[in-house]
Amino acid sequence: MSDVTAFGRSGWSWLNPPAEWSTVDGLEVTTKDDSDFWRTTHYDFVRDTGHALLRPVTGDFALRLAFTGAYAEQYDQAGALLRVDERTWIKTGIEFVDGEHFLSAVVTRDFSDWSVVPIPGLDGPVSLVVDRTGDTVTIRYGVGEAAPETMLRLAYLPPGGEVLVGPMCASPQGRGFPTRFHHFEVTTRPAG
């Protein structure tokens, strides 16, 4: 499904449309069950069934988003996706694991790796800033009213070429869950 208008801009396209969605007042999504993004490591499977509303960006950029979710089932997740192709991508956001919320980043170059930071007592929105400069992606976060200043991850992403970016969500073991992206913007800048 292409040419969706969201966050005041047209030209978005769904990678794996969710069960339900609306672009009124941000983006509201209800995931399908058994949806995820993962490649091989630890689990020996490849899943490319998570939901992402994407648009192309080239060169250096910063994306900012704020979101909330009704996390309830193991691995319910929401956040942002940067995707070169099905073998090269980064997802980051909140993931619900063993009854707790974690800030999460998965970096995939043929094989996925996963890093997490616990967020005890999460109540309210999470904000992320994901900055691509050259071959480096820096992920910063903030919880509640806090600005996204705390660094979660520094990762490699091939420089220069087109990347699809946008909000992402999935429910690998759940029956689907609702999430709301309150804000999403991308600012491009000259390489340098």
N, C-alpha and C. Protein backbone atom coordinates (compact mmCIF):
# COMPACT_ATOMS: atom_id res chain seq x y z
N MET A 1 0.86 -1.17 0.00
CA MET A 1 0.00 0.00 0.00
C MET A 1 0.90 1.23 0.00
N SER A 2 0.78 2.03 -1.05
CA SER A 2 1.68 3.17 -1.17
C SER A 2 0.92 4.48 -1.21
N ASP A 3 1.68 5.55 -1.12
CA ASP A 3 1.21 6.92 -1.13
C ASP A 3 0.21 7.21 -0.02
N VAL A 4 0.61 6.84 1.18
CA VAL A 4 -0.16 7.16 2.39
C VAL A 4 0.25 8.56 2.85
N THR A 5 -0.69 9.35 3.31
CA THR A 5 -0.39 10.65 3.90
C THR A 5 -0.42 10.50 5.41
N ALA A 6 0.68 10.91 6.05
CA ALA A 6 0.80 10.83 7.51
C ALA A 6 1.75 11.92 7.98
N PHE A 7 1.52 12.42 9.19
CA PHE A 7 2.39 13.45 9.78
C PHE A 7 2.55 14.65 8.85
N GLY A 8 1.47 14.99 8.12
CA GLY A 8 1.47 16.16 7.26
C GLY A 8 2.21 16.01 5.95
N ARG A 9 2.59 14.76 5.58
CA ARG A 9 3.32 14.54 4.33
C ARG A 9 2.77 13.34 3.60
N SER A 10 2.77 13.42 2.27
CA SER A 10 2.39 12.26 1.46
C SER A 10 3.64 11.47 1.10
N GLY A 11 3.46 10.34 0.43
CA GLY A 11 4.60 9.57 -0.06
C GLY A 11 5.06 8.46 0.87
N TRP A 12 4.31 8.17 1.93
CA TRP A 12 4.64 7.04 2.81
C TRP A 12 4.11 5.75 2.17
N SER A 13 4.76 4.63 2.48
CA SER A 13 4.31 3.31 2.01
C SER A 13 4.43 2.31 3.16
N TRP A 14 3.47 1.41 3.23
CA TRP A 14 3.52 0.36 4.25
C TRP A 14 4.42 -0.79 3.81
N LEU A 15 5.29 -1.21 4.69
CA LEU A 15 5.95 -2.50 4.60
C LEU A 15 5.15 -3.39 5.54
N ASN A 16 4.41 -4.33 5.01
CA ASN A 16 3.55 -5.21 5.81
C ASN A 16 2.46 -4.42 6.55
N PRO A 17 1.40 -4.03 5.87
CA PRO A 17 0.33 -3.26 6.53
C PRO A 17 -0.18 -3.97 7.79
N PRO A 18 -0.48 -3.20 8.84
CA PRO A 18 -0.97 -3.78 10.10
C PRO A 18 -2.44 -4.17 10.02
N ALA A 19 -2.94 -4.74 11.11
CA ALA A 19 -4.35 -5.15 11.18
C ALA A 19 -5.26 -3.94 11.02
N GLU A 20 -4.94 -2.86 11.73
CA GLU A 20 -5.72 -1.62 11.67
C GLU A 20 -4.77 -0.45 11.77
N TRP A 21 -5.14 0.67 11.13
CA TRP A 21 -4.33 1.88 11.26
C TRP A 21 -5.15 3.10 10.87
N SER A 22 -4.72 4.24 11.42
CA SER A 22 -5.35 5.52 11.12
C SER A 22 -4.29 6.61 11.20
N THR A 23 -4.36 7.58 10.30
CA THR A 23 -3.42 8.69 10.32
C THR A 23 -4.05 9.97 10.85
N VAL A 24 -5.17 9.85 11.54
CA VAL A 24 -5.79 11.00 12.17
C VAL A 24 -5.02 11.31 13.45
N ASP A 25 -4.53 12.54 13.59
CA ASP A 25 -3.81 12.97 14.79
C ASP A 25 -2.59 12.09 15.06
N GLY A 26 -1.67 12.04 14.11
CA GLY A 26 -0.47 11.19 14.24
C GLY A 26 -0.68 9.89 13.48
N LEU A 27 -0.29 8.78 14.09
CA LEU A 27 -0.48 7.46 13.50
C LEU A 27 -0.86 6.49 14.60
N GLU A 28 -2.01 5.87 14.44
CA GLU A 28 -2.47 4.84 15.38
C GLU A 28 -2.44 3.51 14.66
N VAL A 29 -1.84 2.49 15.30
CA VAL A 29 -1.65 1.19 14.67
C VAL A 29 -2.03 0.08 15.64
N THR A 30 -2.70 -0.94 15.13
CA THR A 30 -2.87 -2.20 15.86
C THR A 30 -2.15 -3.27 15.05
N THR A 31 -1.17 -3.91 15.68
CA THR A 31 -0.34 -4.89 14.98
C THR A 31 -1.10 -6.18 14.71
N LYS A 32 -0.60 -6.92 13.75
CA LYS A 32 -1.03 -8.31 13.55
C LYS A 32 -0.21 -9.20 14.47
N ASP A 33 -0.75 -10.36 14.83
CA ASP A 33 0.04 -11.30 15.63
C ASP A 33 1.13 -11.91 14.76
N ASP A 34 2.15 -12.47 15.40
CA ASP A 34 3.26 -13.14 14.73
C ASP A 34 3.98 -12.21 13.75
N SER A 35 4.14 -10.95 14.12
CA SER A 35 4.85 -9.98 13.29
C SER A 35 6.16 -9.61 13.97
N ASP A 36 7.23 -9.48 13.20
CA ASP A 36 8.54 -9.19 13.79
C ASP A 36 9.55 -8.86 12.70
N PHE A 37 10.66 -8.24 13.12
CA PHE A 37 11.85 -8.08 12.30
C PHE A 37 12.99 -8.74 13.04
N TRP A 38 13.61 -9.75 12.46
CA TRP A 38 14.75 -10.44 13.07
C TRP A 38 15.44 -11.29 12.01
N ARG A 39 16.79 -11.49 12.16
CA ARG A 39 17.54 -12.34 11.25
C ARG A 39 18.47 -13.26 12.01
N THR A 40 18.12 -14.51 12.11
CA THR A 40 18.98 -15.67 12.39
C THR A 40 19.54 -15.78 13.81
N THR A 41 20.28 -14.80 14.30
CA THR A 41 21.03 -14.93 15.54
C THR A 41 20.17 -15.48 16.68
N HIS A 42 20.68 -16.46 17.39
CA HIS A 42 20.08 -17.09 18.57
C HIS A 42 18.84 -17.92 18.26
N TYR A 43 17.94 -17.40 17.43
CA TYR A 43 16.66 -18.07 17.19
C TYR A 43 16.66 -18.95 15.93
N ASP A 44 17.63 -18.78 15.06
CA ASP A 44 17.72 -19.55 13.81
C ASP A 44 16.51 -19.37 12.90
N PHE A 45 15.89 -18.20 12.92
CA PHE A 45 14.83 -17.91 11.96
C PHE A 45 15.00 -16.51 11.42
N VAL A 46 14.32 -16.25 10.31
CA VAL A 46 14.29 -14.92 9.71
C VAL A 46 12.84 -14.48 9.67
N ARG A 47 12.58 -13.31 10.25
CA ARG A 47 11.23 -12.73 10.18
C ARG A 47 11.36 -11.32 9.63
N ASP A 48 10.53 -11.03 8.65
CA ASP A 48 10.49 -9.72 8.03
C ASP A 48 9.03 -9.32 7.87
N THR A 49 8.26 -9.53 8.94
CA THR A 49 6.81 -9.36 8.89
C THR A 49 6.30 -8.23 9.78
N GLY A 50 7.21 -7.51 10.44
CA GLY A 50 6.78 -6.37 11.25
C GLY A 50 6.19 -5.28 10.38
N HIS A 51 5.51 -4.34 11.01
CA HIS A 51 4.84 -3.25 10.30
C HIS A 51 5.69 -1.99 10.35
N ALA A 52 5.84 -1.32 9.21
CA ALA A 52 6.58 -0.07 9.17
C ALA A 52 5.98 0.82 8.09
N LEU A 53 5.74 2.07 8.45
CA LEU A 53 5.29 3.08 7.49
C LEU A 53 6.53 3.88 7.10
N LEU A 54 6.98 3.72 5.86
CA LEU A 54 8.31 4.17 5.45
C LEU A 54 8.28 5.20 4.33
N ARG A 55 9.34 6.01 4.31
CA ARG A 55 9.60 6.93 3.21
C ARG A 55 11.11 6.99 2.98
N PRO A 56 11.56 7.23 1.75
CA PRO A 56 12.99 7.23 1.47
C PRO A 56 13.68 8.53 1.91
N VAL A 57 14.91 8.36 2.41
CA VAL A 57 15.77 9.49 2.77
C VAL A 57 17.17 9.14 2.29
N THR A 58 17.88 10.13 1.75
CA THR A 58 19.24 9.93 1.27
C THR A 58 20.19 10.84 2.04
N GLY A 59 21.38 10.33 2.33
CA GLY A 59 22.40 11.15 2.99
C GLY A 59 22.21 11.24 4.49
N ASP A 60 22.71 12.33 5.06
CA ASP A 60 22.64 12.52 6.51
C ASP A 60 21.27 13.06 6.92
N PHE A 61 20.79 12.61 8.07
CA PHE A 61 19.48 13.05 8.56
C PHE A 61 19.36 12.80 10.05
N ALA A 62 18.36 13.42 10.63
CA ALA A 62 17.95 13.12 12.00
C ALA A 62 16.45 12.89 11.97
N LEU A 63 16.01 11.82 12.60
CA LEU A 63 14.57 11.61 12.74
C LEU A 63 14.22 11.70 14.22
N ARG A 64 13.04 12.26 14.46
CA ARG A 64 12.54 12.42 15.82
C ARG A 64 11.14 11.84 15.88
N LEU A 65 10.87 11.09 16.94
CA LEU A 65 9.53 10.57 17.11
C LEU A 65 9.20 10.47 18.59
N ALA A 66 7.91 10.47 18.87
CA ALA A 66 7.38 10.25 20.22
C ALA A 66 6.21 9.29 20.07
N PHE A 67 6.12 8.31 21.00
CA PHE A 67 5.10 7.28 20.86
C PHE A 67 4.76 6.66 22.21
N THR A 68 3.59 6.04 22.25
CA THR A 68 3.13 5.27 23.41
C THR A 68 2.55 3.97 22.88
N GLY A 69 2.52 2.94 23.73
CA GLY A 69 1.95 1.66 23.33
C GLY A 69 1.32 0.96 24.51
N ALA A 70 0.37 0.09 24.22
CA ALA A 70 -0.30 -0.72 25.25
C ALA A 70 0.37 -2.10 25.27
N TYR A 71 1.64 -2.11 25.67
CA TYR A 71 2.44 -3.35 25.67
C TYR A 71 1.87 -4.33 26.69
N ALA A 72 1.67 -5.58 26.25
CA ALA A 72 1.08 -6.58 27.16
C ALA A 72 1.68 -7.96 26.98
N GLU A 73 2.08 -8.31 25.76
CA GLU A 73 2.56 -9.66 25.47
C GLU A 73 4.08 -9.63 25.23
N GLN A 74 4.70 -10.79 25.42
CA GLN A 74 6.14 -10.92 25.24
C GLN A 74 6.57 -10.38 23.87
N TYR A 75 7.55 -9.48 23.88
CA TYR A 75 8.19 -8.87 22.72
C TYR A 75 7.32 -7.87 21.95
N ASP A 76 6.15 -7.45 22.49
CA ASP A 76 5.45 -6.33 21.86
C ASP A 76 6.44 -5.18 21.74
N GLN A 77 6.44 -4.49 20.58
CA GLN A 77 7.47 -3.47 20.34
C GLN A 77 6.96 -2.37 19.43
N ALA A 78 7.51 -1.17 19.63
CA ALA A 78 7.20 -0.03 18.78
C ALA A 78 8.38 0.93 18.80
N GLY A 79 8.55 1.67 17.70
CA GLY A 79 9.64 2.63 17.61
C GLY A 79 9.88 3.04 16.18
N ALA A 80 11.15 3.03 15.77
CA ALA A 80 11.54 3.49 14.43
C ALA A 80 12.33 2.39 13.71
N LEU A 81 12.24 2.40 12.38
CA LEU A 81 12.99 1.48 11.54
C LEU A 81 13.76 2.28 10.49
N LEU A 82 15.04 1.94 10.32
CA LEU A 82 15.88 2.42 9.22
C LEU A 82 16.22 1.19 8.41
N ARG A 83 15.85 1.16 7.14
CA ARG A 83 15.96 -0.07 6.35
C ARG A 83 16.64 0.20 5.01
N VAL A 84 17.79 -0.44 4.80
CA VAL A 84 18.44 -0.42 3.50
C VAL A 84 17.80 -1.51 2.64
N ASP A 85 17.69 -2.72 3.19
CA ASP A 85 17.02 -3.85 2.55
C ASP A 85 16.71 -4.87 3.64
N GLU A 86 16.23 -6.05 3.26
CA GLU A 86 15.81 -7.05 4.25
C GLU A 86 16.97 -7.62 5.06
N ARG A 87 18.22 -7.36 4.65
CA ARG A 87 19.39 -7.89 5.35
C ARG A 87 20.17 -6.81 6.10
N THR A 88 19.81 -5.54 5.89
CA THR A 88 20.54 -4.42 6.48
C THR A 88 19.54 -3.40 7.01
N TRP A 89 19.39 -3.34 8.34
CA TRP A 89 18.42 -2.44 8.93
C TRP A 89 18.70 -2.25 10.43
N ILE A 90 18.09 -1.21 10.98
CA ILE A 90 18.15 -0.92 12.41
C ILE A 90 16.73 -0.64 12.88
N LYS A 91 16.33 -1.28 13.98
CA LYS A 91 15.06 -0.91 14.62
C LYS A 91 15.38 -0.52 16.05
N THR A 92 14.64 0.46 16.57
CA THR A 92 14.85 0.92 17.93
C THR A 92 13.54 1.41 18.51
N GLY A 93 13.37 1.24 19.80
CA GLY A 93 12.16 1.69 20.47
C GLY A 93 11.99 0.97 21.79
N ILE A 94 10.74 0.76 22.17
CA ILE A 94 10.41 0.03 23.40
C ILE A 94 10.05 -1.40 23.03
N GLU A 95 10.55 -2.34 23.82
CA GLU A 95 10.20 -3.74 23.67
C GLU A 95 9.81 -4.28 25.05
N PHE A 96 8.73 -5.03 25.10
CA PHE A 96 8.19 -5.58 26.35
C PHE A 96 8.71 -7.01 26.51
N VAL A 97 9.55 -7.23 27.53
CA VAL A 97 10.23 -8.51 27.70
C VAL A 97 10.07 -8.97 29.15
N ASP A 98 9.53 -10.17 29.35
CA ASP A 98 9.35 -10.74 30.69
C ASP A 98 8.64 -9.78 31.64
N GLY A 99 7.61 -9.11 31.11
CA GLY A 99 6.79 -8.22 31.93
C GLY A 99 7.39 -6.85 32.21
N GLU A 100 8.48 -6.51 31.55
CA GLU A 100 9.13 -5.21 31.77
C GLU A 100 9.38 -4.50 30.44
N HIS A 101 9.45 -3.16 30.52
CA HIS A 101 9.74 -2.33 29.35
C HIS A 101 11.25 -2.12 29.23
N PHE A 102 11.74 -2.24 28.00
CA PHE A 102 13.15 -2.00 27.73
C PHE A 102 13.28 -1.08 26.53
N LEU A 103 14.22 -0.12 26.59
CA LEU A 103 14.65 0.58 25.40
C LEU A 103 15.47 -0.43 24.63
N SER A 104 15.23 -0.56 23.36
CA SER A 104 15.80 -1.65 22.57
C SER A 104 16.39 -1.11 21.28
N ALA A 105 17.48 -1.73 20.85
CA ALA A 105 18.03 -1.46 19.52
C ALA A 105 18.48 -2.79 18.92
N VAL A 106 18.04 -3.06 17.71
CA VAL A 106 18.48 -4.23 16.97
C VAL A 106 19.17 -3.71 15.71
N VAL A 107 20.43 -4.10 15.55
CA VAL A 107 21.21 -3.72 14.38
C VAL A 107 21.45 -4.98 13.57
N THR A 108 21.09 -4.93 12.29
CA THR A 108 21.16 -6.12 11.44
C THR A 108 21.99 -5.84 10.19
N ARG A 109 23.04 -6.62 10.03
CA ARG A 109 23.82 -6.69 8.80
C ARG A 109 24.02 -8.18 8.56
N ASP A 110 23.08 -8.79 7.88
CA ASP A 110 22.96 -10.24 7.66
C ASP A 110 22.52 -10.99 8.92
N PHE A 111 23.03 -10.60 10.09
CA PHE A 111 22.64 -11.21 11.36
C PHE A 111 22.22 -10.11 12.33
N SER A 112 21.17 -10.35 13.09
CA SER A 112 20.69 -9.36 14.06
C SER A 112 21.46 -9.45 15.37
N ASP A 113 21.72 -8.28 15.96
CA ASP A 113 22.15 -8.25 17.36
C ASP A 113 21.15 -7.38 18.13
N TRP A 114 21.16 -7.49 19.45
CA TRP A 114 20.11 -6.84 20.25
C TRP A 114 20.73 -6.27 21.50
N SER A 115 20.45 -5.01 21.78
CA SER A 115 20.87 -4.40 23.04
C SER A 115 19.65 -3.73 23.69
N VAL A 116 19.63 -3.78 25.03
CA VAL A 116 18.49 -3.25 25.77
C VAL A 116 18.94 -2.48 27.01
N VAL A 117 18.09 -1.54 27.44
CA VAL A 117 18.25 -0.80 28.69
C VAL A 117 16.89 -0.82 29.38
N PRO A 118 16.81 -1.29 30.65
CA PRO A 118 15.51 -1.34 31.32
C PRO A 118 14.95 0.07 31.58
N ILE A 119 13.64 0.19 31.44
CA ILE A 119 12.92 1.43 31.74
C ILE A 119 11.85 1.09 32.78
N PRO A 120 12.22 1.03 34.06
CA PRO A 120 11.24 0.63 35.08
C PRO A 120 10.13 1.67 35.21
N GLY A 121 8.91 1.18 35.39
CA GLY A 121 7.77 2.06 35.63
C GLY A 121 7.45 2.98 34.47
N LEU A 122 7.62 2.53 33.25
CA LEU A 122 7.34 3.38 32.10
C LEU A 122 5.89 3.84 32.14
N ASP A 123 5.71 5.14 32.11
CA ASP A 123 4.38 5.73 32.13
C ASP A 123 4.43 6.99 31.27
N GLY A 124 3.84 6.92 30.11
CA GLY A 124 3.85 8.07 29.22
C GLY A 124 4.67 7.81 27.98
N PRO A 125 4.87 8.85 27.18
CA PRO A 125 5.52 8.67 25.89
C PRO A 125 7.03 8.49 26.01
N VAL A 126 7.59 7.87 24.99
CA VAL A 126 9.03 7.74 24.81
C VAL A 126 9.38 8.57 23.58
N SER A 127 10.50 9.29 23.66
CA SER A 127 10.99 10.08 22.54
C SER A 127 12.33 9.52 22.09
N LEU A 128 12.53 9.50 20.78
CA LEU A 128 13.80 9.06 20.21
C LEU A 128 14.30 10.09 19.21
N VAL A 129 15.62 10.23 19.17
CA VAL A 129 16.29 10.93 18.07
C VAL A 129 17.27 9.93 17.49
N VAL A 130 17.14 9.68 16.19
CA VAL A 130 18.03 8.76 15.49
C VAL A 130 18.75 9.59 14.44
N ASP A 131 20.06 9.71 14.59
CA ASP A 131 20.86 10.59 13.75
C ASP A 131 21.81 9.77 12.88
N ARG A 132 21.72 9.97 11.57
CA ARG A 132 22.65 9.32 10.65
C ARG A 132 23.61 10.37 10.12
N THR A 133 24.90 10.17 10.39
CA THR A 133 25.95 11.04 9.88
C THR A 133 27.01 10.15 9.26
N GLY A 134 27.14 10.21 7.95
CA GLY A 134 28.09 9.34 7.26
C GLY A 134 27.71 7.89 7.44
N ASP A 135 28.61 7.10 8.03
CA ASP A 135 28.35 5.68 8.25
C ASP A 135 27.90 5.38 9.69
N THR A 136 27.56 6.42 10.44
CA THR A 136 27.23 6.26 11.86
C THR A 136 25.79 6.63 12.15
N VAL A 137 25.11 5.76 12.89
CA VAL A 137 23.77 6.05 13.41
C VAL A 137 23.88 6.14 14.93
N THR A 138 23.44 7.26 15.48
CA THR A 138 23.42 7.47 16.93
C THR A 138 21.97 7.51 17.38
N ILE A 139 21.64 6.69 18.38
CA ILE A 139 20.28 6.62 18.90
C ILE A 139 20.27 7.21 20.30
N ARG A 140 19.42 8.22 20.51
CA ARG A 140 19.24 8.83 21.83
C ARG A 140 17.77 8.72 22.22
N TYR A 141 17.51 8.69 23.54
CA TYR A 141 16.14 8.55 24.00
C TYR A 141 15.85 9.44 25.20
N GLY A 142 14.56 9.65 25.41
CA GLY A 142 14.05 10.34 26.59
C GLY A 142 12.72 9.70 26.96
N VAL A 143 12.39 9.69 28.24
CA VAL A 143 11.15 9.08 28.73
C VAL A 143 10.31 10.15 29.41
N GLY A 144 9.01 10.13 29.14
CA GLY A 144 8.12 11.14 29.72
C GLY A 144 8.44 12.50 29.14
N GLU A 145 8.65 13.48 30.01
CA GLU A 145 8.94 14.85 29.56
C GLU A 145 10.42 15.05 29.23
N ALA A 146 11.26 14.07 29.53
CA ALA A 146 12.71 14.23 29.30
C ALA A 146 13.02 14.29 27.81
N ALA A 147 13.90 15.20 27.45
CA ALA A 147 14.35 15.30 26.06
C ALA A 147 15.20 14.07 25.73
N PRO A 148 15.21 13.66 24.47
CA PRO A 148 15.99 12.47 24.07
C PRO A 148 17.49 12.78 24.01
N GLU A 149 18.15 12.79 25.18
CA GLU A 149 19.56 13.13 25.26
C GLU A 149 20.44 11.96 25.69
N THR A 150 19.85 10.89 26.24
CA THR A 150 20.63 9.76 26.72
C THR A 150 20.95 8.82 25.55
N MET A 151 22.24 8.53 25.34
CA MET A 151 22.61 7.68 24.22
C MET A 151 22.32 6.22 24.54
N LEU A 152 21.65 5.54 23.61
CA LEU A 152 21.37 4.11 23.71
C LEU A 152 22.37 3.32 22.88
N ARG A 153 22.70 3.80 21.68
CA ARG A 153 23.50 2.97 20.78
C ARG A 153 24.19 3.83 19.73
N LEU A 154 25.36 3.40 19.35
CA LEU A 154 26.09 3.93 18.21
C LEU A 154 26.30 2.75 17.28
N ALA A 155 25.90 2.86 16.01
CA ALA A 155 25.93 1.69 15.11
C ALA A 155 26.36 2.11 13.71
N TYR A 156 26.80 1.13 12.96
CA TYR A 156 27.20 1.33 11.56
C TYR A 156 26.00 1.12 10.65
N LEU A 157 25.88 1.98 9.63
CA LEU A 157 24.94 1.80 8.54
C LEU A 157 25.65 2.30 7.29
N PRO A 158 25.61 1.56 6.19
CA PRO A 158 26.34 2.00 4.99
C PRO A 158 26.01 3.45 4.65
N PRO A 159 27.02 4.26 4.36
CA PRO A 159 26.80 5.70 4.16
C PRO A 159 26.22 6.04 2.80
N GLY A 160 25.58 7.21 2.76
CA GLY A 160 25.23 7.85 1.51
C GLY A 160 23.97 7.41 0.80
N GLY A 161 23.75 6.13 0.67
CA GLY A 161 22.64 5.64 -0.14
C GLY A 161 21.28 5.87 0.50
N GLU A 162 20.27 5.53 -0.26
CA GLU A 162 18.89 5.68 0.21
C GLU A 162 18.58 4.72 1.35
N VAL A 163 17.87 5.23 2.33
CA VAL A 163 17.39 4.45 3.47
C VAL A 163 15.90 4.72 3.59
N LEU A 164 15.13 3.67 3.84
CA LEU A 164 13.71 3.85 4.14
C LEU A 164 13.58 4.03 5.64
N VAL A 165 12.88 5.06 6.08
CA VAL A 165 12.74 5.34 7.51
C VAL A 165 11.28 5.55 7.87
N GLY A 166 10.94 5.21 9.11
CA GLY A 166 9.59 5.48 9.58
C GLY A 166 9.27 4.75 10.86
N PRO A 167 8.04 4.96 11.36
CA PRO A 167 7.59 4.27 12.56
C PRO A 167 7.40 2.78 12.30
N MET A 168 7.69 1.98 13.33
CA MET A 168 7.67 0.52 13.23
C MET A 168 6.99 -0.03 14.47
N CYS A 169 6.29 -1.16 14.30
CA CYS A 169 5.74 -1.89 15.45
C CYS A 169 5.53 -3.35 15.07
N ALA A 170 5.47 -4.22 16.10
CA ALA A 170 5.32 -5.65 15.86
C ALA A 170 4.89 -6.33 17.16
N SER A 171 4.33 -7.52 17.01
CA SER A 171 3.96 -8.34 18.18
C SER A 171 4.29 -9.81 17.86
N PRO A 172 5.57 -10.20 18.06
CA PRO A 172 6.03 -11.53 17.67
C PRO A 172 5.29 -12.69 18.32
N GLN A 173 4.91 -12.54 19.59
CA GLN A 173 4.23 -13.63 20.28
C GLN A 173 2.83 -13.26 20.75
N GLY A 174 2.46 -12.01 20.57
CA GLY A 174 1.17 -11.55 21.05
C GLY A 174 0.07 -11.67 20.02
N ARG A 175 -1.09 -11.20 20.41
CA ARG A 175 -2.27 -11.22 19.55
C ARG A 175 -2.50 -9.87 18.90
N GLY A 176 -1.47 -9.06 18.88
CA GLY A 176 -1.58 -7.71 18.34
C GLY A 176 -1.78 -6.71 19.47
N PHE A 177 -1.21 -5.52 19.29
CA PHE A 177 -1.39 -4.50 20.33
C PHE A 177 -1.46 -3.12 19.68
N PRO A 178 -2.15 -2.19 20.37
CA PRO A 178 -2.27 -0.84 19.83
C PRO A 178 -1.10 0.04 20.26
N THR A 179 -0.67 0.88 19.35
CA THR A 179 0.36 1.88 19.66
C THR A 179 0.01 3.17 18.92
N ARG A 180 0.47 4.28 19.48
CA ARG A 180 0.22 5.58 18.85
C ARG A 180 1.54 6.31 18.70
N PHE A 181 1.79 6.76 17.48
CA PHE A 181 2.94 7.61 17.20
C PHE A 181 2.41 9.04 17.19
N HIS A 182 2.79 9.80 18.20
CA HIS A 182 2.28 11.16 18.37
C HIS A 182 2.97 12.13 17.41
N HIS A 183 4.23 11.83 17.11
CA HIS A 183 5.04 12.76 16.33
C HIS A 183 6.09 11.97 15.58
N PHE A 184 6.36 12.35 14.34
CA PHE A 184 7.45 11.77 13.57
C PHE A 184 7.89 12.79 12.54
N GLU A 185 9.18 13.12 12.54
CA GLU A 185 9.72 14.05 11.54
C GLU A 185 11.13 13.65 11.17
N VAL A 186 11.50 13.96 9.95
CA VAL A 186 12.85 13.71 9.46
C VAL A 186 13.41 15.03 8.92
N THR A 187 14.62 15.36 9.38
CA THR A 187 15.32 16.55 8.91
C THR A 187 16.58 16.11 8.19
N THR A 188 16.70 16.45 6.91
CA THR A 188 17.90 16.10 6.16
C THR A 188 18.89 17.26 6.22
N ARG A 189 20.16 16.93 6.00
CA ARG A 189 21.19 17.97 5.99
C ARG A 189 22.31 17.56 5.04
N PRO A 190 23.07 18.50 4.56
CA PRO A 190 24.18 18.17 3.67
C PRO A 190 25.20 17.29 4.38
N ALA A 191 25.78 16.35 3.65
CA ALA A 191 26.83 15.50 4.22
C ALA A 191 28.02 16.39 4.59
N GLY A 192 28.68 16.00 5.66
CA GLY A 192 29.81 16.84 6.00
C GLY A 192 30.42 16.42 7.23
